Amino acid sequence: MGGDARTEEQAAERLAHHLLREAYRDLAAVLLSANAKAAESLFYAVEKRTADALRTLVADKSEGAASTRIARAAGGELNALFEAAHGRTGIPASRRVA
């Protein structure tokens, strides 16, 4: 049963991740069409906060020895999301945390 519970938990995490990614893209598109200047300002703040959080994770070794790998993997996924949602290249957090 433990394995089944973990598999279900992972499936739930994947589904939540997918739904949040889609919602972020939709919200970004609406914001861009409503007020591009405000959207750019917000996108910059989100990208900067993300990069700062990833750098902190690495500096503090919050996830132990795997902190840098985890930050790079998360940063890569988030950067891809930002590129797609923001219509441009965001702060390449996956490359700036190490």
PDB file of N, CA and C in Angstrom:
ATOM      1  N   MET A   1       0.804  -1.197   0.000  1.00  0.00           N
ATOM      2  CA  MET A   1       0.000   0.000   0.000  1.00  0.00           C
ATOM      3  C   MET A   1       0.850   1.265   0.000  1.00  0.00           C
ATOM      4  N   GLY A   2       1.998   1.254   0.641  1.00  0.00           N
ATOM      5  CA  GLY A   2       2.849   2.430   0.687  1.00  0.00           C
ATOM      6  C   GLY A   2       3.247   2.904  -0.684  1.00  0.00           C
ATOM      7  N   GLY A   3       3.565   1.959  -1.567  1.00  0.00           N
ATOM      8  CA  GLY A   3       3.944   2.305  -2.935  1.00  0.00           C
ATOM      9  C   GLY A   3       2.793   2.918  -3.705  1.00  0.00           C
ATOM     10  N   ASP A   4       1.589   2.390  -3.500  1.00  0.00           N
ATOM     11  CA  ASP A   4       0.412   2.939  -4.171  1.00  0.00           C
ATOM     12  C   ASP A   4       0.144   4.369  -3.722  1.00  0.00           C
ATOM     13  N   ALA A   5       0.283   4.612  -2.429  1.00  0.00           N
ATOM     14  CA  ALA A   5       0.046   5.951  -1.896  1.00  0.00           C
ATOM     15  C   ALA A   5       1.056   6.939  -2.470  1.00  0.00           C
ATOM     16  N   ARG A   6       2.316   6.512  -2.568  1.00  0.00           N
ATOM     17  CA  ARG A   6       3.354   7.390  -3.118  1.00  0.00           C
ATOM     18  C   ARG A   6       3.099   7.667  -4.597  1.00  0.00           C
ATOM     19  N   THR A   7       2.688   6.647  -5.337  1.00  0.00           N
ATOM     20  CA  THR A   7       2.377   6.825  -6.753  1.00  0.00           C
ATOM     21  C   THR A   7       1.216   7.802  -6.926  1.00  0.00           C
ATOM     22  N   GLU A   8       0.196   7.674  -6.090  1.00  0.00           N
ATOM     23  CA  GLU A   8      -0.940   8.594  -6.151  1.00  0.00           C
ATOM     24  C   GLU A   8      -0.508  10.010  -5.788  1.00  0.00           C
ATOM     25  N   GLU A   9       0.351  10.127  -4.796  1.00  0.00           N
ATOM     26  CA  GLU A   9       0.854  11.443  -4.385  1.00  0.00           C
ATOM     27  C   GLU A   9       1.640  12.096  -5.526  1.00  0.00           C
ATOM     28  N   GLN A  10       2.477  11.314  -6.195  1.00  0.00           N
ATOM     29  CA  GLN A  10       3.249  11.843  -7.324  1.00  0.00           C
ATOM     30  C   GLN A  10       2.328  12.255  -8.473  1.00  0.00           C
ATOM     31  N   ALA A  11       1.303  11.458  -8.734  1.00  0.00           N
ATOM     32  CA  ALA A  11       0.347  11.794  -9.794  1.00  0.00           C
ATOM     33  C   ALA A  11      -0.392  13.084  -9.449  1.00  0.00           C
ATOM     34  N   ALA A  12      -0.762  13.239  -8.193  1.00  0.00           N
ATOM     35  CA  ALA A  12      -1.442  14.460  -7.757  1.00  0.00           C
ATOM     36  C   ALA A  12      -0.526  15.674  -7.903  1.00  0.00           C
ATOM     37  N   GLU A  13       0.748  15.515  -7.570  1.00  0.00           N
ATOM     38  CA  GLU A  13       1.716  16.607  -7.719  1.00  0.00           C
ATOM     39  C   GLU A  13       1.892  16.982  -9.189  1.00  0.00           C
ATOM     40  N   ARG A  14       1.969  15.983 -10.061  1.00  0.00           N
ATOM     41  CA  ARG A  14       2.105  16.261 -11.502  1.00  0.00           C
ATOM     42  C   ARG A  14       0.878  16.999 -12.031  1.00  0.00           C
ATOM     43  N   LEU A  15      -0.302  16.558 -11.614  1.00  0.00           N
ATOM     44  CA  LEU A  15      -1.535  17.202 -12.057  1.00  0.00           C
ATOM     45  C   LEU A  15      -1.596  18.645 -11.559  1.00  0.00           C
ATOM     46  N   ALA A  16      -1.299  18.858 -10.286  1.00  0.00           N
ATOM     47  CA  ALA A  16      -1.309  20.214  -9.729  1.00  0.00           C
ATOM     48  C   ALA A  16      -0.302  21.102 -10.453  1.00  0.00           C
ATOM     49  N   HIS A  17       0.881  20.572 -10.711  1.00  0.00           N
ATOM     50  CA  HIS A  17       1.928  21.314 -11.422  1.00  0.00           C
ATOM     51  C   HIS A  17       1.431  21.709 -12.815  1.00  0.00           C
ATOM     52  N   HIS A  18       0.832  20.768 -13.516  1.00  0.00           N
ATOM     53  CA  HIS A  18       0.311  21.034 -14.860  1.00  0.00           C
ATOM     54  C   HIS A  18      -0.775  22.111 -14.825  1.00  0.00           C
ATOM     55  N   LEU A  19      -1.714  21.989 -13.900  1.00  0.00           N
ATOM     56  CA  LEU A  19      -2.815  22.953 -13.818  1.00  0.00           C
ATOM     57  C   LEU A  19      -2.311  24.349 -13.455  1.00  0.00           C
ATOM     58  N   LEU A  20      -1.358  24.432 -12.540  1.00  0.00           N
ATOM     59  CA  LEU A  20      -0.784  25.730 -12.176  1.00  0.00           C
ATOM     60  C   LEU A  20      -0.023  26.354 -13.344  1.00  0.00           C
ATOM     61  N   ARG A  21       0.710  25.535 -14.076  1.00  0.00           N
ATOM     62  CA  ARG A  21       1.452  26.022 -15.247  1.00  0.00           C
ATOM     63  C   ARG A  21       0.479  26.593 -16.286  1.00  0.00           C
ATOM     64  N   GLU A  22      -0.605  25.878 -16.556  1.00  0.00           N
ATOM     65  CA  GLU A  22      -1.599  26.349 -17.521  1.00  0.00           C
ATOM     66  C   GLU A  22      -2.280  27.624 -17.034  1.00  0.00           C
ATOM     67  N   ALA A  23      -2.614  27.673 -15.759  1.00  0.00           N
ATOM     68  CA  ALA A  23      -3.253  28.868 -15.202  1.00  0.00           C
ATOM     69  C   ALA A  23      -2.318  30.071 -15.285  1.00  0.00           C
ATOM     70  N   TYR A  24      -1.034  29.871 -15.001  1.00  0.00           N
ATOM     71  CA  TYR A  24      -0.065  30.963 -15.076  1.00  0.00           C
ATOM     72  C   TYR A  24       0.012  31.494 -16.504  1.00  0.00           C
ATOM     73  N   ARG A  25       0.067  30.599 -17.475  1.00  0.00           N
ATOM     74  CA  ARG A  25       0.112  31.031 -18.883  1.00  0.00           C
ATOM     75  C   ARG A  25      -1.129  31.838 -19.250  1.00  0.00           C
ATOM     76  N   ASP A  26      -2.293  31.361 -18.830  1.00  0.00           N
ATOM     77  CA  ASP A  26      -3.538  32.070 -19.135  1.00  0.00           C
ATOM     78  C   ASP A  26      -3.559  33.450 -18.485  1.00  0.00           C
ATOM     79  N   LEU A  27      -3.176  33.518 -17.216  1.00  0.00           N
ATOM     80  CA  LEU A  27      -3.153  34.805 -16.515  1.00  0.00           C
ATOM     81  C   LEU A  27      -2.162  35.768 -17.152  1.00  0.00           C
ATOM     82  N   ALA A  28      -1.004  35.266 -17.540  1.00  0.00           N
ATOM     83  CA  ALA A  28       0.003  36.115 -18.180  1.00  0.00           C
ATOM     84  C   ALA A  28      -0.525  36.669 -19.501  1.00  0.00           C
ATOM     85  N   ALA A  29      -1.206  35.847 -20.271  1.00  0.00           N
ATOM     86  CA  ALA A  29      -1.752  36.295 -21.556  1.00  0.00           C
ATOM     87  C   ALA A  29      -2.800  37.384 -21.358  1.00  0.00           C
ATOM     88  N   VAL A  30      -3.667  37.202 -20.379  1.00  0.00           N
ATOM     89  CA  VAL A  30      -4.695  38.205 -20.105  1.00  0.00           C
ATOM     90  C   VAL A  30      -4.050  39.505 -19.641  1.00  0.00           C
ATOM     91  N   LEU A  31      -3.089  39.412 -18.754  1.00  0.00           N
ATOM     92  CA  LEU A  31      -2.416  40.610 -18.256  1.00  0.00           C
ATOM     93  C   LEU A  31      -1.687  41.336 -19.379  1.00  0.00           C
ATOM     94  N   LEU A  32      -0.996  40.590 -20.237  1.00  0.00           N
ATOM     95  CA  LEU A  32      -0.301  41.211 -21.371  1.00  0.00           C
ATOM     96  C   LEU A  32      -1.268  41.952 -22.290  1.00  0.00           C
ATOM     97  N   SER A  33      -2.423  41.357 -22.544  1.00  0.00           N
ATOM     98  CA  SER A  33      -3.380  42.006 -23.444  1.00  0.00           C
ATOM     99  C   SER A  33      -4.062  43.200 -22.784  1.00  0.00           C
ATOM    100  N   ALA A  34      -4.212  43.178 -21.472  1.00  0.00           N
ATOM    101  CA  ALA A  34      -4.878  44.271 -20.765  1.00  0.00           C
ATOM    102  C   ALA A  34      -3.951  45.457 -20.524  1.00  0.00           C
ATOM    103  N   ASN A  35      -2.706  45.169 -20.137  1.00  0.00           N
ATOM    104  CA  ASN A  35      -1.776  46.249 -19.806  1.00  0.00           C
ATOM    105  C   ASN A  35      -0.352  45.713 -19.914  1.00  0.00           C
ATOM    106  N   ALA A  36       0.236  45.860 -21.081  1.00  0.00           N
ATOM    107  CA  ALA A  36       1.559  45.284 -21.346  1.00  0.00           C
ATOM    108  C   ALA A  36       2.635  45.848 -20.421  1.00  0.00           C
ATOM    109  N   LYS A  37       2.564  47.132 -20.118  1.00  0.00           N
ATOM    110  CA  LYS A  37       3.580  47.747 -19.252  1.00  0.00           C
ATOM    111  C   LYS A  37       3.512  47.171 -17.836  1.00  0.00           C
ATOM    112  N   ALA A  38       2.312  47.060 -17.299  1.00  0.00           N
ATOM    113  CA  ALA A  38       2.143  46.472 -15.970  1.00  0.00           C
ATOM    114  C   ALA A  38       2.557  45.006 -15.982  1.00  0.00           C
ATOM    115  N   ALA A  39       2.239  44.313 -17.065  1.00  0.00           N
ATOM    116  CA  ALA A  39       2.616  42.901 -17.182  1.00  0.00           C
ATOM    117  C   ALA A  39       4.125  42.746 -17.139  1.00  0.00           C
ATOM    118  N   GLU A  40       4.837  43.560 -17.899  1.00  0.00           N
ATOM    119  CA  GLU A  40       6.303  43.475 -17.918  1.00  0.00           C
ATOM    120  C   GLU A  40       6.884  43.720 -16.535  1.00  0.00           C
ATOM    121  N   SER A  41       6.333  44.677 -15.832  1.00  0.00           N
ATOM    122  CA  SER A  41       6.807  44.991 -14.484  1.00  0.00           C
ATOM    123  C   SER A  41       6.575  43.810 -13.534  1.00  0.00           C
ATOM    124  N   LEU A  42       5.396  43.234 -13.615  1.00  0.00           N
ATOM    125  CA  LEU A  42       5.080  42.079 -12.773  1.00  0.00           C
ATOM    126  C   LEU A  42       5.933  40.878 -13.147  1.00  0.00           C
ATOM    127  N   PHE A  43       6.100  40.627 -14.439  1.00  0.00           N
ATOM    128  CA  PHE A  43       6.911  39.496 -14.882  1.00  0.00           C
ATOM    129  C   PHE A  43       8.344  39.631 -14.380  1.00  0.00           C
ATOM    130  N   TYR A  44       8.892  40.836 -14.461  1.00  0.00           N
ATOM    131  CA  TYR A  44      10.256  41.055 -13.974  1.00  0.00           C
ATOM    132  C   TYR A  44      10.340  40.719 -12.485  1.00  0.00           C
ATOM    133  N   ALA A  45       9.361  41.178 -11.703  1.00  0.00           N
ATOM    134  CA  ALA A  45       9.368  40.915 -10.262  1.00  0.00           C
ATOM    135  C   ALA A  45       9.276  39.417  -9.971  1.00  0.00           C
ATOM    136  N   VAL A  46       8.427  38.714 -10.701  1.00  0.00           N
ATOM    137  CA  VAL A  46       8.282  37.265 -10.507  1.00  0.00           C
ATOM    138  C   VAL A  46       9.580  36.546 -10.867  1.00  0.00           C
ATOM    139  N   GLU A  47      10.182  36.924 -11.993  1.00  0.00           N
ATOM    140  CA  GLU A  47      11.433  36.291 -12.427  1.00  0.00           C
ATOM    141  C   GLU A  47      12.560  36.559 -11.431  1.00  0.00           C
ATOM    142  N   LYS A  48      12.638  37.791 -10.943  1.00  0.00           N
ATOM    143  CA  LYS A  48      13.689  38.142  -9.984  1.00  0.00           C
ATOM    144  C   LYS A  48      13.502  37.382  -8.676  1.00  0.00           C
ATOM    145  N   ARG A  49      12.270  37.334  -8.182  1.00  0.00           N
ATOM    146  CA  ARG A  49      11.991  36.610  -6.937  1.00  0.00           C
ATOM    147  C   ARG A  49      12.342  35.133  -7.086  1.00  0.00           C
ATOM    148  N   THR A  50      12.034  34.573  -8.237  1.00  0.00           N
ATOM    149  CA  THR A  50      12.353  33.169  -8.497  1.00  0.00           C
ATOM    150  C   THR A  50      13.856  32.942  -8.496  1.00  0.00           C
ATOM    151  N   ALA A  51      14.587  33.784  -9.217  1.00  0.00           N
ATOM    152  CA  ALA A  51      16.046  33.652  -9.273  1.00  0.00           C
ATOM    153  C   ALA A  51      16.657  33.822  -7.886  1.00  0.00           C
ATOM    154  N   ASP A  52      16.159  34.790  -7.123  1.00  0.00           N
ATOM    155  CA  ASP A  52      16.667  35.010  -5.764  1.00  0.00           C
ATOM    156  C   ASP A  52      16.418  33.789  -4.879  1.00  0.00           C
ATOM    157  N   ALA A  53      15.229  33.211  -4.983  1.00  0.00           N
ATOM    158  CA  ALA A  53      14.899  32.033  -4.172  1.00  0.00           C
ATOM    159  C   ALA A  53      15.783  30.848  -4.537  1.00  0.00           C
ATOM    160  N   LEU A  54      16.049  30.668  -5.817  1.00  0.00           N
ATOM    161  CA  LEU A  54      16.906  29.560  -6.244  1.00  0.00           C
ATOM    162  C   LEU A  54      18.345  29.768  -5.776  1.00  0.00           C
ATOM    163  N   ARG A  55      18.832  31.007  -5.868  1.00  0.00           N
ATOM    164  CA  ARG A  55      20.190  31.292  -5.380  1.00  0.00           C
ATOM    165  C   ARG A  55      20.287  31.050  -3.877  1.00  0.00           C
ATOM    166  N   THR A  56      19.255  31.430  -3.144  1.00  0.00           N
ATOM    167  CA  THR A  56      19.238  31.216  -1.695  1.00  0.00           C
ATOM    168  C   THR A  56      19.235  29.732  -1.367  1.00  0.00           C
ATOM    169  N   LEU A  57      18.460  28.950  -2.104  1.00  0.00           N
ATOM    170  CA  LEU A  57      18.421  27.504  -1.884  1.00  0.00           C
ATOM    171  C   LEU A  57      19.817  26.910  -2.030  1.00  0.00           C
ATOM    172  N   VAL A  58      20.546  27.364  -3.057  1.00  0.00           N
ATOM    173  CA  VAL A  58      21.899  26.854  -3.291  1.00  0.00           C
ATOM    174  C   VAL A  58      22.846  27.334  -2.198  1.00  0.00           C
ATOM    175  N   ALA A  59      22.799  28.617  -1.881  1.00  0.00           N
ATOM    176  CA  ALA A  59      23.714  29.186  -0.889  1.00  0.00           C
ATOM    177  C   ALA A  59      23.512  28.565   0.489  1.00  0.00           C
ATOM    178  N   ASP A  60      22.260  28.350   0.862  1.00  0.00           N
ATOM    179  CA  ASP A  60      21.945  27.788   2.181  1.00  0.00           C
ATOM    180  C   ASP A  60      22.005  26.267   2.210  1.00  0.00           C
ATOM    181  N   LYS A  61      22.129  25.649   1.033  1.00  0.00           N
ATOM    182  CA  LYS A  61      22.102  24.185   0.915  1.00  0.00           C
ATOM    183  C   LYS A  61      20.851  23.618   1.598  1.00  0.00           C
ATOM    184  N   SER A  62      19.731  24.274   1.337  1.00  0.00           N
ATOM    185  CA  SER A  62      18.460  23.912   1.968  1.00  0.00           C
ATOM    186  C   SER A  62      18.035  22.477   1.712  1.00  0.00           C
ATOM    187  N   GLU A  63      18.445  21.929   0.583  1.00  0.00           N
ATOM    188  CA  GLU A  63      18.099  20.550   0.229  1.00  0.00           C
ATOM    189  C   GLU A  63      19.315  19.638   0.307  1.00  0.00           C
ATOM    190  N   GLY A  64      20.290  20.027   1.099  1.00  0.00           N
ATOM    191  CA  GLY A  64      21.482  19.210   1.273  1.00  0.00           C
ATOM    192  C   GLY A  64      22.386  19.243   0.058  1.00  0.00           C
ATOM    193  N   ALA A  65      23.086  18.148  -0.158  1.00  0.00           N
ATOM    194  CA  ALA A  65      24.076  18.064  -1.233  1.00  0.00           C
ATOM    195  C   ALA A  65      23.451  18.221  -2.619  1.00  0.00           C
ATOM    196  N   ALA A  66      22.184  17.947  -2.741  1.00  0.00           N
ATOM    197  CA  ALA A  66      21.508  18.022  -4.044  1.00  0.00           C
ATOM    198  C   ALA A  66      20.931  19.408  -4.336  1.00  0.00           C
ATOM    199  N   SER A  67      21.182  20.373  -3.478  1.00  0.00           N
ATOM    200  CA  SER A  67      20.569  21.698  -3.624  1.00  0.00           C
ATOM    201  C   SER A  67      20.816  22.328  -4.987  1.00  0.00           C
ATOM    202  N   THR A  68      22.048  22.293  -5.468  1.00  0.00           N
ATOM    203  CA  THR A  68      22.354  22.917  -6.757  1.00  0.00           C
ATOM    204  C   THR A  68      21.628  22.208  -7.891  1.00  0.00           C
ATOM    205  N   ARG A  69      21.636  20.885  -7.891  1.00  0.00           N
ATOM    206  CA  ARG A  69      20.940  20.138  -8.945  1.00  0.00           C
ATOM    207  C   ARG A  69      19.436  20.418  -8.913  1.00  0.00           C
ATOM    208  N   ILE A  70      18.890  20.463  -7.726  1.00  0.00           N
ATOM    209  CA  ILE A  70      17.457  20.730  -7.583  1.00  0.00           C
ATOM    210  C   ILE A  70      17.129  22.139  -8.077  1.00  0.00           C
ATOM    211  N   ALA A  71      17.945  23.111  -7.685  1.00  0.00           N
ATOM    212  CA  ALA A  71      17.712  24.496  -8.113  1.00  0.00           C
ATOM    213  C   ALA A  71      17.826  24.629  -9.628  1.00  0.00           C
ATOM    214  N   ARG A  72      18.801  23.968 -10.212  1.00  0.00           N
ATOM    215  CA  ARG A  72      18.955  24.032 -11.673  1.00  0.00           C
ATOM    216  C   ARG A  72      17.773  23.387 -12.388  1.00  0.00           C
ATOM    217  N   ALA A  73      17.320  22.255 -11.890  1.00  0.00           N
ATOM    218  CA  ALA A  73      16.176  21.582 -12.518  1.00  0.00           C
ATOM    219  C   ALA A  73      14.918  22.442 -12.401  1.00  0.00           C
ATOM    220  N   ALA A  74      14.661  22.952 -11.204  1.00  0.00           N
ATOM    221  CA  ALA A  74      13.488  23.808 -11.008  1.00  0.00           C
ATOM    222  C   ALA A  74      13.619  25.086 -11.826  1.00  0.00           C
ATOM    223  N   GLY A  75      14.813  25.666 -11.826  1.00  0.00           N
ATOM    224  CA  GLY A  75      15.045  26.886 -12.589  1.00  0.00           C
ATOM    225  C   GLY A  75      14.839  26.683 -14.073  1.00  0.00           C
ATOM    226  N   GLY A  76      15.269  25.549 -14.576  1.00  0.00           N
ATOM    227  CA  GLY A  76      15.079  25.255 -15.994  1.00  0.00           C
ATOM    228  C   GLY A  76      13.606  25.163 -16.357  1.00  0.00           C
ATOM    229  N   GLU A  77      12.834  24.486 -15.519  1.00  0.00           N
ATOM    230  CA  GLU A  77      11.394  24.368 -15.776  1.00  0.00           C
ATOM    231  C   GLU A  77      10.705  25.720 -15.695  1.00  0.00           C
ATOM    232  N   LEU A  78      11.062  26.494 -14.670  1.00  0.00           N
ATOM    233  CA  LEU A  78      10.436  27.800 -14.504  1.00  0.00           C
ATOM    234  C   LEU A  78      10.836  28.757 -15.619  1.00  0.00           C
ATOM    235  N   ASN A  79      12.087  28.700 -16.042  1.00  0.00           N
ATOM    236  CA  ASN A  79      12.523  29.563 -17.136  1.00  0.00           C
ATOM    237  C   ASN A  79      11.755  29.235 -18.417  1.00  0.00           C
ATOM    238  N   ALA A  80      11.540  27.954 -18.678  1.00  0.00           N
ATOM    239  CA  ALA A  80      10.760  27.558 -19.857  1.00  0.00           C
ATOM    240  C   ALA A  80       9.326  28.093 -19.755  1.00  0.00           C
ATOM    241  N   LEU A  81       8.750  28.014 -18.559  1.00  0.00           N
ATOM    242  CA  LEU A  81       7.405  28.550 -18.351  1.00  0.00           C
ATOM    243  C   LEU A  81       7.389  30.052 -18.585  1.00  0.00           C
ATOM    244  N   PHE A  82       8.367  30.758 -18.021  1.00  0.00           N
ATOM    245  CA  PHE A  82       8.416  32.210 -18.181  1.00  0.00           C
ATOM    246  C   PHE A  82       8.593  32.594 -19.645  1.00  0.00           C
ATOM    247  N   GLU A  83       9.449  31.886 -20.362  1.00  0.00           N
ATOM    248  CA  GLU A  83       9.644  32.184 -21.785  1.00  0.00           C
ATOM    249  C   GLU A  83       8.334  32.046 -22.550  1.00  0.00           C
ATOM    250  N   ALA A  84       7.614  30.976 -22.286  1.00  0.00           N
ATOM    251  CA  ALA A  84       6.353  30.731 -22.993  1.00  0.00           C
ATOM    252  C   ALA A  84       5.270  31.729 -22.570  1.00  0.00           C
ATOM    253  N   ALA A  85       5.132  31.953 -21.277  1.00  0.00           N
ATOM    254  CA  ALA A  85       4.057  32.801 -20.771  1.00  0.00           C
ATOM    255  C   ALA A  85       4.323  34.282 -20.989  1.00  0.00           C
ATOM    256  N   HIS A  86       5.570  34.683 -20.869  1.00  0.00           N
ATOM    257  CA  HIS A  86       5.907  36.099 -20.965  1.00  0.00           C
ATOM    258  C   HIS A  86       6.235  36.518 -22.387  1.00  0.00           C
ATOM    259  N   GLY A  87       6.377  35.557 -23.270  1.00  0.00           N
ATOM    260  CA  GLY A  87       6.657  35.874 -24.652  1.00  0.00           C
ATOM    261  C   GLY A  87       8.070  36.354 -24.895  1.00  0.00           C
ATOM    262  N   ARG A  88       8.956  36.042 -23.980  1.00  0.00           N
ATOM    263  CA  ARG A  88      10.366  36.434 -24.104  1.00  0.00           C
ATOM    264  C   ARG A  88      11.183  35.573 -23.166  1.00  0.00           C
ATOM    265  N   THR A  89      12.486  35.729 -23.230  1.00  0.00           N
ATOM    266  CA  THR A  89      13.367  34.989 -22.338  1.00  0.00           C
ATOM    267  C   THR A  89      13.387  35.676 -20.988  1.00  0.00           C
ATOM    268  N   GLY A  90      13.126  34.913 -19.935  1.00  0.00           N
ATOM    269  CA  GLY A  90      13.190  35.456 -18.588  1.00  0.00           C
ATOM    270  C   GLY A  90      14.601  35.400 -18.051  1.00  0.00           C
ATOM    271  N   ILE A  91      14.769  35.732 -16.794  1.00  0.00           N
ATOM    272  CA  ILE A  91      16.066  35.600 -16.152  1.00  0.00           C
ATOM    273  C   ILE A  91      16.414  34.120 -16.172  1.00  0.00           C
ATOM    274  N   PRO A  92      17.513  33.728 -16.778  1.00  0.00           N
ATOM    275  CA  PRO A  92      17.849  32.299 -16.858  1.00  0.00           C
ATOM    276  C   PRO A  92      18.300  31.767 -15.506  1.00  0.00           C
ATOM    277  N   ALA A  93      17.351  31.601 -14.603  1.00  0.00           N
ATOM    278  CA  ALA A  93      17.658  31.218 -13.231  1.00  0.00           C
ATOM    279  C   ALA A  93      18.427  29.911 -13.148  1.00  0.00           C
ATOM    280  N   SER A  94      18.137  28.996 -14.057  1.00  0.00           N
ATOM    281  CA  SER A  94      18.802  27.697 -13.985  1.00  0.00           C
ATOM    282  C   SER A  94      20.295  27.822 -14.219  1.00  0.00           C
ATOM    283  N   ARG A  95      20.724  28.876 -14.887  1.00  0.00           N
ATOM    284  CA  ARG A  95      22.145  29.050 -15.165  1.00  0.00           C
ATOM    285  C   ARG A  95      22.807  30.040 -14.227  1.00  0.00           C
ATOM    286  N   ARG A  96      22.008  30.785 -13.440  1.00  0.00           N
ATOM    287  CA  ARG A  96      22.580  31.834 -12.618  1.00  0.00           C
ATOM    288  C   ARG A  96      22.693  31.455 -11.151  1.00  0.00           C
ATOM    289  N   VAL A  97      22.221  30.284 -10.778  1.00  0.00           N
ATOM    290  CA  VAL A  97      22.240  29.924  -9.362  1.00  0.00           C
ATOM    291  C   VAL A  97      23.547  29.303  -8.929  1.00  0.00           C
ATOM    292  N   ALA A  98      24.300  28.747  -9.847  1.00  0.00           N
ATOM    293  CA  ALA A  98      25.518  28.030  -9.471  1.00  0.00           C
ATOM    294  C   ALA A  98      26.700  28.967  -9.336  1.00  0.00           C
TER     295      ALA A  98
END
